[in-house]
Protein backbone atom coordinates (compact mmCIF):
# COMPACT_ATOMS: atom_id res chain seq x y z
CA UNK A 1 71.98 89.58 119.96
CA UNK A 2 73.77 90.65 116.80
CA UNK A 3 71.85 92.80 114.23
CA UNK A 4 71.21 89.81 111.99
CA UNK A 5 69.65 87.79 114.80
CA UNK A 6 72.65 85.64 115.72
CA UNK A 7 74.75 85.92 118.88
CA UNK A 8 78.53 86.28 118.70
CA UNK A 9 79.25 82.59 119.35
CA UNK A 10 76.84 81.49 116.63
CA UNK A 11 78.38 83.95 114.19
CA UNK A 12 81.89 82.74 114.98
CA UNK A 13 80.81 79.15 114.43
CA UNK A 14 79.16 80.11 111.12
CA UNK A 15 82.32 81.88 110.01
CA UNK A 16 84.52 78.97 111.01
CA UNK A 17 82.33 76.48 109.15
CA UNK A 18 82.29 78.73 106.10
CA UNK A 19 86.08 78.90 105.96
CA UNK A 20 86.31 75.14 106.52
CA UNK A 21 83.95 74.51 103.58
CA UNK A 22 81.29 72.91 105.80
CA UNK A 23 78.34 75.14 104.79
CA UNK A 24 75.67 74.27 102.28
CA UNK A 25 75.02 76.49 99.30
CA UNK A 26 72.12 78.34 100.94
CA UNK A 27 73.99 79.01 104.21
CA UNK A 28 77.09 80.09 102.30
CA UNK A 29 75.09 82.55 100.16
CA UNK A 30 73.51 83.94 103.33
CA UNK A 31 76.92 84.37 104.95
CA UNK A 32 78.28 86.18 101.90
CA UNK A 33 75.30 88.54 101.85
CA UNK A 34 75.66 89.25 105.60
CA UNK A 35 79.35 90.04 105.12
CA UNK A 36 78.52 92.38 102.23
CA UNK A 37 76.15 94.34 104.50
CA UNK A 38 78.29 94.22 107.65
CA UNK A 39 81.97 95.31 107.26
CA UNK A 40 82.82 94.13 110.80
CA UNK A 41 81.50 90.66 110.07
CA UNK A 42 83.50 90.66 106.82
CA UNK A 43 86.61 91.65 108.78
CA UNK A 44 86.09 88.75 111.21
CA UNK A 45 85.71 86.40 108.26
CA UNK A 46 89.06 87.72 107.06
CA UNK A 47 90.53 86.87 110.47
CA UNK A 48 89.30 83.29 110.16
CA UNK A 49 90.84 83.07 106.69
CA UNK A 50 94.11 84.38 108.14
CA UNK A 51 94.05 81.69 110.84
CA UNK A 52 93.54 79.00 108.20
CA UNK A 53 96.48 80.41 106.27
CA UNK A 54 98.65 80.36 109.40
CA UNK A 55 97.64 76.77 110.08
CA UNK A 56 98.80 75.83 106.59
CA UNK A 57 102.08 77.70 107.03
CA UNK A 58 102.72 75.98 110.37
CA UNK A 59 102.13 72.55 108.85
CA UNK A 60 104.86 73.06 106.22
CA UNK A 61 107.28 75.16 108.31
CA UNK A 62 109.03 73.07 110.98
CA UNK A 63 111.50 75.85 111.83
CA UNK A 64 108.85 78.51 112.30
CA UNK A 65 110.63 81.20 110.24
CA UNK A 66 107.92 81.41 107.59
CA UNK A 67 105.29 81.51 110.31
CA UNK A 68 106.92 84.46 112.04
CA UNK A 69 107.06 86.37 108.75
CA UNK A 70 103.42 85.57 107.98
CA UNK A 71 102.33 86.69 111.47
CA UNK A 72 104.18 89.95 111.06
CA UNK A 73 102.53 90.52 107.66
CA UNK A 74 99.14 89.74 109.21
CA UNK A 75 99.53 91.96 112.25
CA UNK A 76 98.32 95.08 110.49
CA UNK A 77 95.07 93.31 109.66
CA UNK A 78 94.56 92.01 113.22
CA UNK A 79 92.42 93.40 116.03
CA UNK A 80 94.71 93.10 119.05
CA UNK A 81 93.98 90.91 122.06
CA UNK A 82 90.49 89.93 120.88
CA UNK A 83 91.91 88.62 117.65
CA UNK A 84 94.62 86.73 119.54
CA UNK A 85 91.96 85.00 121.63
CA UNK A 86 90.03 84.03 118.52
CA UNK A 87 93.25 82.63 117.01
CA UNK A 88 93.87 80.59 120.14
CA UNK A 89 90.32 79.26 120.23
CA UNK A 90 90.48 78.16 116.59
CA UNK A 91 93.82 76.44 117.10
CA UNK A 92 92.73 74.68 120.27
CA UNK A 93 89.59 73.53 118.45
CA UNK A 94 91.83 72.00 115.80
CA UNK A 95 94.01 70.42 118.54
CA UNK A 96 97.20 71.54 116.80
CA UNK A 97 99.12 72.31 119.94
CA UNK A 98 102.46 72.29 118.14
CA UNK A 99 101.22 75.10 115.93
CA UNK A 100 99.96 77.05 118.96
CA UNK A 101 103.37 76.82 120.64
CA UNK A 102 105.03 78.24 117.54
CA UNK A 103 102.38 80.94 117.23
CA UNK A 104 102.73 81.80 120.91
CA UNK A 105 106.47 82.21 120.37
CA UNK A 106 105.73 84.55 117.49
CA UNK A 107 103.44 86.57 119.74
CA UNK A 108 106.15 86.82 122.40
CA UNK A 109 108.62 88.08 119.79
CA UNK A 110 106.13 90.53 118.27
CA UNK A 111 104.58 91.21 121.66
CA UNK A 112 103.44 94.71 122.39
CA UNK A 113 104.30 95.75 118.85
CA UNK A 114 101.33 93.77 117.58
CA UNK A 115 98.83 95.17 120.05
CA UNK A 116 100.14 98.71 119.61
CA UNK A 117 99.53 98.62 115.88
CA UNK A 118 96.29 100.14 114.69
CA UNK A 119 94.12 98.18 112.32
CA UNK A 120 94.45 99.84 108.87
CA UNK A 121 91.05 101.19 107.94
CA UNK A 122 89.94 101.71 104.38
CA UNK A 123 91.72 104.04 101.99
CA UNK A 124 92.76 107.68 101.59
CA UNK A 125 92.74 109.88 98.48
CA UNK A 126 96.24 110.98 97.47
CA UNK A 127 95.69 112.71 94.09
CA UNK A 128 92.73 113.68 91.94
CA UNK A 129 92.77 114.32 88.19
CA UNK A 130 89.01 114.52 87.84
CA UNK A 131 86.02 116.76 88.52
CA UNK A 132 84.60 114.13 90.86
CA UNK A 133 83.65 115.34 94.36
CA UNK A 134 86.87 114.00 95.84
CA UNK A 135 89.68 115.79 97.66
CA UNK A 136 93.24 114.78 98.63
CA UNK A 137 93.21 113.51 102.21
CA UNK A 138 89.61 112.30 102.00
CA UNK A 139 89.09 109.02 103.86
CA UNK A 140 87.00 106.05 102.75
CA UNK A 141 86.02 103.66 105.53
CA UNK A 142 85.35 99.96 104.87
CA UNK A 143 82.14 99.44 102.94
CA UNK A 144 82.31 102.79 101.07
CA UNK A 145 82.02 103.01 97.29
CA UNK A 146 84.03 105.33 95.03
CA UNK A 147 82.19 106.25 91.82
CA UNK A 148 84.15 108.00 89.08
CA UNK A 149 82.53 108.98 85.78
CA UNK A 150 85.82 110.15 84.25
CA UNK A 151 89.34 111.08 85.24
CA UNK A 152 91.88 109.56 87.61
CA UNK A 153 92.08 109.14 91.38
CA UNK A 154 95.04 107.77 93.31
CA UNK A 155 94.29 106.00 96.61
CA UNK A 156 96.47 104.65 99.41
CA UNK A 157 95.02 101.72 101.33
CA UNK A 158 95.69 101.13 105.00
CA UNK A 159 98.18 98.36 104.25
CA UNK A 160 100.26 100.73 102.09
CA UNK A 161 99.12 99.61 98.62
CA UNK A 162 98.59 102.50 96.18
CA UNK A 163 95.85 102.21 93.57
CA UNK A 164 95.13 104.42 90.54
CA UNK A 165 91.45 104.30 89.53
CA UNK A 166 90.58 105.31 85.95
CA UNK A 167 87.01 106.37 85.27
CA UNK A 168 84.38 105.44 84.44
CA UNK A 169 84.74 103.16 87.44
CA UNK A 170 83.07 101.89 90.61
CA UNK A 171 85.31 100.59 93.39
CA UNK A 172 84.24 99.35 96.82
CA UNK A 173 86.76 99.82 99.64
CA UNK A 174 86.30 96.58 101.60
CA UNK A 175 89.04 97.21 104.18
CA UNK A 176 92.65 98.31 104.37
CA UNK A 177 93.77 95.18 102.53
CA UNK A 178 91.17 94.67 99.83
CA UNK A 179 88.83 96.30 97.31
CA UNK A 180 86.13 95.16 94.93
CA UNK A 181 86.09 96.56 91.38
CA UNK A 182 82.59 96.59 89.88
CA UNK A 183 83.66 98.32 86.63
CA UNK A 184 86.53 100.33 85.24
CA UNK A 185 90.31 100.03 85.40
CA UNK A 186 92.75 100.16 88.27
CA UNK A 187 96.48 99.75 88.68
CA UNK A 188 97.75 98.56 92.08
CA UNK A 189 101.33 99.19 93.17
CA UNK A 190 102.03 97.11 96.26
CA UNK A 191 105.10 97.49 98.53
CA UNK A 192 106.58 94.45 100.21
CA UNK A 193 104.84 95.12 103.53
CA UNK A 194 101.45 94.98 101.75
CA UNK A 195 101.91 91.70 99.86
CA UNK A 196 98.59 89.93 100.04
CA UNK A 197 96.58 92.99 98.98
CA UNK A 198 93.49 91.70 97.17
CA UNK A 199 91.20 93.00 94.44
CA UNK A 200 87.93 91.18 93.83
CA UNK A 201 85.62 91.49 90.86
CA UNK A 202 83.31 89.69 88.50
CA UNK A 203 84.83 86.25 88.04
CA UNK A 204 87.13 85.93 91.05
CA UNK A 205 89.82 87.65 93.05
CA UNK A 206 93.46 88.62 92.66
CA UNK A 207 96.04 88.41 95.43
CA UNK A 208 99.26 90.37 95.03
CA UNK A 209 102.51 88.56 95.71
CA UNK A 210 104.77 91.36 94.51
CA UNK A 211 104.76 94.83 93.06
CA UNK A 212 102.32 95.99 90.32
CA UNK A 213 99.31 94.78 88.34
CA UNK A 214 96.40 96.20 86.33
CA UNK A 215 92.77 95.08 86.55
CA UNK A 216 89.85 95.90 84.25
CA UNK A 217 86.17 95.05 84.54
CA UNK A 218 83.96 95.86 81.55
CA UNK A 219 80.19 95.86 81.16
CA UNK A 220 80.03 92.38 79.61
CA UNK A 221 83.30 90.49 79.95
CA UNK A 222 84.72 89.10 83.17
CA UNK A 223 87.58 90.61 85.11
CA UNK A 224 91.00 90.83 83.45
CA UNK A 225 94.36 91.02 85.20
CA UNK A 226 97.61 92.11 83.52
CA UNK A 227 100.77 91.67 85.58
CA UNK A 228 103.05 94.66 85.05
CA UNK A 229 105.74 93.73 87.56
CA UNK A 230 106.16 90.87 90.01
CA UNK A 231 103.66 88.07 90.68
CA UNK A 232 99.88 87.83 91.17
CA UNK A 233 97.81 84.86 92.32
CA UNK A 234 94.44 84.64 90.54
CA UNK A 235 91.51 82.76 92.10
CA UNK A 236 88.75 82.26 89.47
CA UNK A 237 85.24 81.87 90.89
CA UNK A 238 84.62 79.21 88.27
CA UNK A 239 87.03 76.95 90.12
CA UNK A 240 89.98 75.04 88.76
CA UNK A 241 92.38 76.23 91.43
CA UNK A 242 94.53 79.30 91.74
CA UNK A 243 96.63 80.52 88.82
CA UNK A 244 100.05 82.08 89.29
CA UNK A 245 100.78 84.96 86.89
CA UNK A 246 104.12 86.66 86.40
CA UNK A 247 105.34 89.79 84.61
CA UNK A 248 103.76 90.31 81.15
CA UNK A 249 101.17 87.57 81.69
CA UNK A 250 97.41 88.18 81.63
CA UNK A 251 94.22 86.26 82.41
CA UNK A 252 90.48 86.80 82.00
CA UNK A 253 88.56 85.45 85.00
CA UNK A 254 85.16 84.35 83.74
CA UNK A 255 83.08 81.18 83.50
CA UNK A 256 85.94 79.80 81.42
CA UNK A 257 89.23 81.49 82.54
CA UNK A 258 91.28 82.46 79.49
CA UNK A 259 94.94 83.34 79.09
CA UNK A 260 95.41 86.64 77.21
CA UNK A 261 98.17 88.55 75.51
CA UNK A 262 99.44 91.07 78.05
CA UNK A 263 98.63 94.71 77.27
CA UNK A 264 100.88 96.96 79.35
CA UNK A 265 99.59 100.01 77.50
CA UNK A 266 95.98 99.53 78.58
CA UNK A 267 96.48 101.15 81.98
CA UNK A 268 97.46 104.54 83.38
CA UNK A 269 100.33 103.60 85.71
CA UNK A 270 101.34 107.05 86.96
CA UNK A 271 99.64 110.41 87.36
CA UNK A 272 101.14 113.52 85.80
CA UNK A 273 103.42 115.57 88.04
CA UNK A 274 101.99 118.59 89.81
CA UNK A 275 102.33 121.39 87.22
CA UNK A 276 105.04 123.94 87.71
CA UNK A 277 104.36 127.67 87.93
CA UNK A 278 106.02 128.11 84.54
CA UNK A 279 103.32 127.84 81.88
CA UNK A 280 105.07 129.40 78.88
CA UNK A 281 103.23 128.82 75.63
CA UNK A 282 102.68 129.62 71.96
CA UNK A 283 99.19 130.83 71.05
CA UNK A 284 97.66 131.34 67.59
CA UNK A 285 94.17 132.89 67.65
CA UNK A 286 93.60 133.46 63.85
CA UNK A 287 92.32 137.00 64.33
CA UNK A 288 92.86 139.59 61.56
CA UNK A 289 92.99 139.30 57.78
CA UNK A 290 96.68 138.77 57.04
CA UNK A 291 98.18 135.44 56.02
CA UNK A 292 100.61 135.63 58.96
CA UNK A 293 99.09 134.95 62.38
CA UNK A 294 101.32 136.35 65.14
CA UNK A 295 102.11 134.34 68.22
CA UNK A 296 100.27 135.83 71.19
CA UNK A 297 101.86 133.54 73.76
CA UNK A 298 104.62 134.24 76.25
CA UNK A 299 107.71 132.93 78.00
CA UNK A 300 108.38 129.89 75.81
CA UNK A 301 111.97 129.57 74.59
CA UNK A 302 112.56 131.01 71.11
CA UNK A 303 113.16 134.32 69.36
CA UNK A 304 110.61 136.92 68.34
CA UNK A 305 108.91 136.11 65.05
CA UNK A 306 110.02 132.46 64.87
CA UNK A 307 106.75 131.38 66.46
CA UNK A 308 104.42 133.18 64.04
CA UNK A 309 102.13 131.02 61.90
CA UNK A 310 101.72 131.47 58.14
CA UNK A 311 98.84 130.31 55.97
CA UNK A 312 100.28 128.70 52.82
CA UNK A 313 99.25 126.73 49.72
CA UNK A 314 101.10 124.04 47.81
CA UNK A 315 100.34 125.51 44.35
CA UNK A 316 99.00 128.83 43.09
CA UNK A 317 95.88 127.07 41.81
CA UNK A 318 94.84 126.22 45.37
CA UNK A 319 93.38 128.87 47.65
CA UNK A 320 94.66 129.68 51.12
CA UNK A 321 92.83 128.42 54.20
CA UNK A 322 89.99 130.85 54.88
CA UNK A 323 88.93 132.70 58.02
CA UNK A 324 85.58 131.56 59.44
CA UNK A 325 83.56 132.24 62.58
CA UNK A 326 85.51 130.45 65.28
CA UNK A 327 84.71 129.38 68.80
CA UNK A 328 86.17 132.68 70.05
CA UNK A 329 86.28 135.40 67.40
CA UNK A 330 87.75 134.07 64.16
CA UNK A 331 89.00 130.61 63.31
CA UNK A 332 90.38 129.07 60.15
CA UNK A 333 89.04 126.34 57.87
CA UNK A 334 91.26 123.85 56.06
CA UNK A 335 90.14 122.08 52.89
CA UNK A 336 92.50 119.10 53.26
CA UNK A 337 93.65 119.54 49.66
CA UNK A 338 96.96 121.37 49.60
CA UNK A 339 96.46 124.47 51.72
CA UNK A 340 97.72 124.44 55.30
CA UNK A 341 99.57 126.53 57.89
CA UNK A 342 103.16 126.31 59.11
CA UNK A 343 105.47 127.92 61.62
CA UNK A 344 109.23 127.98 62.09
CA UNK A 345 108.56 127.19 65.73
CA UNK A 346 110.05 123.67 65.98
CA UNK A 347 107.65 122.31 68.59
CA UNK A 348 108.64 120.40 71.74
CA UNK A 349 111.25 117.69 71.22
CA UNK A 350 112.47 114.44 72.68
CA UNK A 351 110.36 113.22 75.58
CA UNK A 352 109.91 116.69 77.10
CA UNK A 353 106.56 117.46 78.70
CA UNK A 354 104.02 119.32 76.56
CA UNK A 355 100.36 120.21 76.19
CA UNK A 356 98.63 120.95 72.87
CA UNK A 357 95.14 122.46 73.08
CA UNK A 358 92.78 123.74 70.38
CA UNK A 359 89.17 123.98 69.21
CA UNK A 360 88.20 121.80 66.27
CA UNK A 361 85.09 121.51 64.10
CA UNK A 362 84.87 118.15 62.33
CA UNK A 363 82.27 118.00 59.52
CA UNK A 364 79.44 115.51 59.83
CA UNK A 365 80.43 114.15 56.39
CA UNK A 366 83.97 113.46 57.62
CA UNK A 367 86.08 111.64 55.05
CA UNK A 368 88.80 109.31 56.36
CA UNK A 369 91.05 110.67 53.62
CA UNK A 370 91.05 114.01 55.44
CA UNK A 371 91.67 112.95 59.06
CA UNK A 372 95.40 113.27 59.57
CA UNK A 373 97.19 116.43 60.50
CA UNK A 374 95.18 118.81 62.67
CA UNK A 375 98.53 119.81 64.17
CA UNK A 376 101.90 118.08 64.22
CA UNK A 377 105.66 118.30 64.08
CA UNK A 378 108.72 116.08 64.14
CA UNK A 379 110.00 113.43 61.75
CA UNK A 380 108.16 110.56 60.11
CA UNK A 381 111.39 108.64 59.49
CA UNK A 382 111.60 106.56 62.69
CA UNK A 383 109.03 105.00 65.03
CA UNK A 384 108.28 107.35 67.90
CA UNK A 385 109.90 110.40 66.25
CA UNK A 386 106.70 112.21 65.18
CA UNK A 387 104.10 114.10 67.23
CA UNK A 388 100.83 114.48 65.32
CA UNK A 389 97.28 115.08 66.52
CA UNK A 390 94.50 114.01 64.18
CA UNK A 391 90.89 112.91 63.90
CA UNK A 392 91.30 109.15 63.69
CA UNK A 393 90.79 107.90 60.10
CA UNK A 394 92.09 104.34 60.59
CA UNK A 395 89.49 101.85 61.85
CA UNK A 396 92.17 99.24 62.51
CA UNK A 397 93.72 101.56 65.10
CA UNK A 398 90.57 102.72 66.91
CA UNK A 399 87.06 104.14 66.39
CA UNK A 400 86.73 106.54 63.42
CA UNK A 401 86.29 110.25 64.15
CA UNK A 402 87.85 110.28 67.61
CA UNK A 403 90.70 112.41 68.92
CA UNK A 404 94.01 110.76 68.14
CA UNK A 405 97.66 111.42 68.90
CA UNK A 406 100.37 109.43 67.15
CA UNK A 407 104.14 109.18 67.28
CA UNK A 408 104.50 107.22 64.02
CA UNK A 409 103.24 103.62 64.21
CA UNK A 410 101.87 104.07 67.74
CA UNK A 411 98.62 106.02 68.32
CA UNK A 412 96.37 106.67 71.28
CA UNK A 413 92.70 107.07 70.27
CA UNK A 414 89.88 108.51 72.38
CA UNK A 415 86.20 107.59 72.65
CA UNK A 416 84.15 110.74 71.88
CA UNK A 417 82.84 110.97 68.31
CA UNK A 418 83.70 114.48 67.07
CA UNK A 419 81.91 114.21 63.69
CA UNK A 420 78.94 116.47 64.38
CA UNK A 421 79.87 119.79 62.77
CA UNK A 422 80.16 121.51 66.18
CA UNK A 423 83.15 123.08 67.91
CA UNK A 424 84.88 120.83 70.46
CA UNK A 425 87.80 121.67 72.69
CA UNK A 426 90.64 119.12 72.59
CA UNK A 427 93.82 118.87 74.65
CA UNK A 428 96.64 116.34 74.55
CA UNK A 429 99.00 116.21 77.54
CA UNK A 430 102.35 114.43 77.62
CA UNK A 431 103.97 114.33 81.04
CA UNK A 432 107.47 113.61 79.90
CA UNK A 433 110.84 112.52 81.16
CA UNK A 434 113.15 109.57 80.44
CA UNK A 435 111.18 106.57 79.22
CA UNK A 436 108.00 108.56 78.53
CA UNK A 437 105.70 106.22 76.59
CA UNK A 438 102.72 107.08 74.41
CA UNK A 439 100.66 104.46 76.26
CA UNK A 440 101.40 105.52 79.85
CA UNK A 441 102.34 109.21 79.75
CA UNK A 442 99.61 110.73 77.53
CA UNK A 443 96.19 112.04 78.60
CA UNK A 444 93.44 113.13 76.19
CA UNK A 445 90.78 115.71 77.07
CA UNK A 446 87.60 116.56 75.14
CA UNK A 447 85.51 119.56 76.20
CA UNK A 448 87.41 119.88 79.46
CA UNK A 449 87.00 116.28 80.61
CA UNK A 450 89.54 113.49 80.66
CA UNK A 451 88.86 111.15 77.76
CA UNK A 452 88.98 107.35 78.27
CA UNK A 453 91.21 105.80 75.63
CA UNK A 454 89.55 103.33 73.27
CA UNK A 455 92.90 102.10 71.96
CA UNK A 456 96.53 102.53 72.99
CA UNK A 457 99.81 101.46 71.48
CA UNK A 458 103.16 101.13 73.24
CA UNK A 459 106.00 103.31 71.97
CA UNK A 460 108.58 105.52 73.65
CA UNK A 461 108.19 109.19 72.73
CA UNK A 462 111.29 110.73 71.12
CA UNK A 463 110.12 113.62 68.95
CA UNK A 464 112.76 114.51 66.35
CA UNK A 465 113.06 118.25 65.67
CA UNK A 466 115.91 117.90 63.14
CA UNK A 467 114.04 116.18 60.30
CA UNK A 468 113.65 117.65 56.78
CA UNK A 469 110.17 119.07 57.46
CA UNK A 470 111.07 121.23 60.43
CA UNK A 471 108.50 123.31 62.23
CA UNK A 472 104.85 122.97 63.25
CA UNK A 473 102.21 122.20 60.62
CA UNK A 474 98.44 122.65 60.87
CA UNK A 475 96.04 121.06 58.39
CA UNK A 476 98.65 118.87 56.70
CA UNK A 477 99.95 115.35 57.31
CA UNK A 478 103.59 115.51 58.46
CA UNK A 479 104.27 112.29 56.54
CA UNK A 480 104.56 114.58 53.51
CA UNK A 481 101.26 113.64 51.87
CA UNK A 482 99.51 116.57 50.20
CA UNK A 483 96.17 115.69 51.75
CA UNK A 484 95.54 116.82 55.29
CA UNK A 485 92.80 117.67 57.74
CA UNK A 486 89.49 119.09 56.49
CA UNK A 487 87.59 121.15 59.04
CA UNK A 488 87.79 124.17 61.32
CA UNK A 489 90.48 125.03 63.89
CA UNK A 490 90.62 127.85 66.44
CA UNK A 491 92.68 129.00 69.46
CA UNK A 492 95.73 126.75 69.18
CA UNK A 493 98.04 126.59 72.22
CA UNK A 494 101.34 124.73 72.64
CA UNK A 495 102.66 124.63 76.22
CA UNK A 496 106.10 123.50 77.33
CA UNK A 497 104.70 121.65 80.33
CA UNK A 498 101.97 119.19 81.31
CA UNK A 499 98.79 121.04 82.30
CA UNK A 500 96.54 119.54 84.95
CA UNK A 501 92.79 119.04 84.65
CA UNK A 502 92.00 122.39 86.29
CA UNK A 503 94.11 124.29 83.75
CA UNK A 504 92.68 122.32 80.82
CA UNK A 505 89.15 123.05 82.03
CA UNK A 506 89.94 126.77 82.31
CA UNK A 507 91.21 126.77 78.73
CA UNK A 508 87.96 125.12 77.67
CA UNK A 509 85.72 127.52 79.58
CA UNK A 510 87.65 130.80 79.45
CA UNK A 511 90.32 130.42 76.74
CA UNK A 512 93.10 131.08 79.28
CA UNK A 513 95.11 129.34 81.98
CA UNK A 514 95.77 132.44 84.09
CA UNK A 515 95.40 136.20 83.96
CA UNK A 516 92.85 137.83 81.67
CA UNK A 517 91.07 135.91 78.89
CA UNK A 518 93.07 136.01 75.66
CA UNK A 519 92.06 137.39 72.27
CA UNK A 520 88.81 138.89 71.06
CA UNK A 521 85.31 138.05 72.16
CA UNK A 522 86.43 136.68 75.53
């Protein structure tokens, strides 16, 4: 007997009736629950569904060419000779002998190649940008759950589909061809051989028919799908038939499926490249008493002295920014009213990779008039030409008091409220290159952990270093407004590359990325 009390023949009959729509509600619920507990039973149900699909293909394919292609696509999900026998039994039961002859011909053509193929099992971890207990090469068999509180994990399923999971998320690996997303965001990139890859979730399921799509499941709303490239077939649980979605179309699968405006910027579509050995940087630590803070970095292009930072004031009536107790040694406090710091160091231009890291203390009585301009450079003349990191002051663009990076008219805003009067470590990473976009190529970190984005805009990054206000500014809005950031800043780093999560965490914990800790008090 099988573990659930049914023998194999009874189970096969139950599966066949379920696929044929001949089960009552109670029996169907019981079958679904059994499949959820038993991955092998779920796999056999998938085989029955595949047979039904082949039957439909045969009925509308007199020449057999579509059938041969469908069989080849389904081979990787098959189980060899046992599966072939189950196919034959189902077809004979349906008395569709013409179909069986065509299928038999397909088997002769595919022959040993079918039976030699191994059934793709589960998924494998390719990359990790998270402190989750996951490692590249780690395998997840069918029925295993991946829980991710923060960060990014890239998976490759047995069929060849690659999936980026963005935490917080919970994803069940159902088999090599499907997953179930309980919460979070994923992006699936599906090669031609893996067309038919499926993601299920609250409200229905999504079947890939070509290339790339994003899926999100929140705590309250149903599942959303945003087609980034190609075509997806949505099957809402609420009924109403399948819905075909193409590039830049979106749908919420809920009790009442709803068409949405596509949001390509809502998803992380690629992971940053593996960091190079070169980690040249500028570093201002605010130690000493002079108004000029020397650069203590190394190996970043530029001449001696050009990267020093100077504390300045707009008028003589305004005092300079003052030294205060920082996170490590001394920091500096900006008033937001005309005193700031500037350097002749131009910053990182165009779409080149960069990382900006610093400690910031945002007052509990944060005023939205003093949010812009923790650090920035570039031009404010054209969309995308600025690079400015702030504490978000604009409610229309995201939650107030969160870490924000903008490129003029296109910000990305984080989720952690920094308005508590305590020191927090912040890092903004752009992994650059042609077509680098603020929505897809930027990662935010707060206190060493990857920060989920509350709001993203879409804009290509093209930082202009030739504008009238050249150089890096701290504590002042690069738009030219006198008002700037009010609060404390310490240990500012600008790297000419994209740091990974390990390097960002070391900066947070040790104030260094390699070698000995930098500066005083470390």
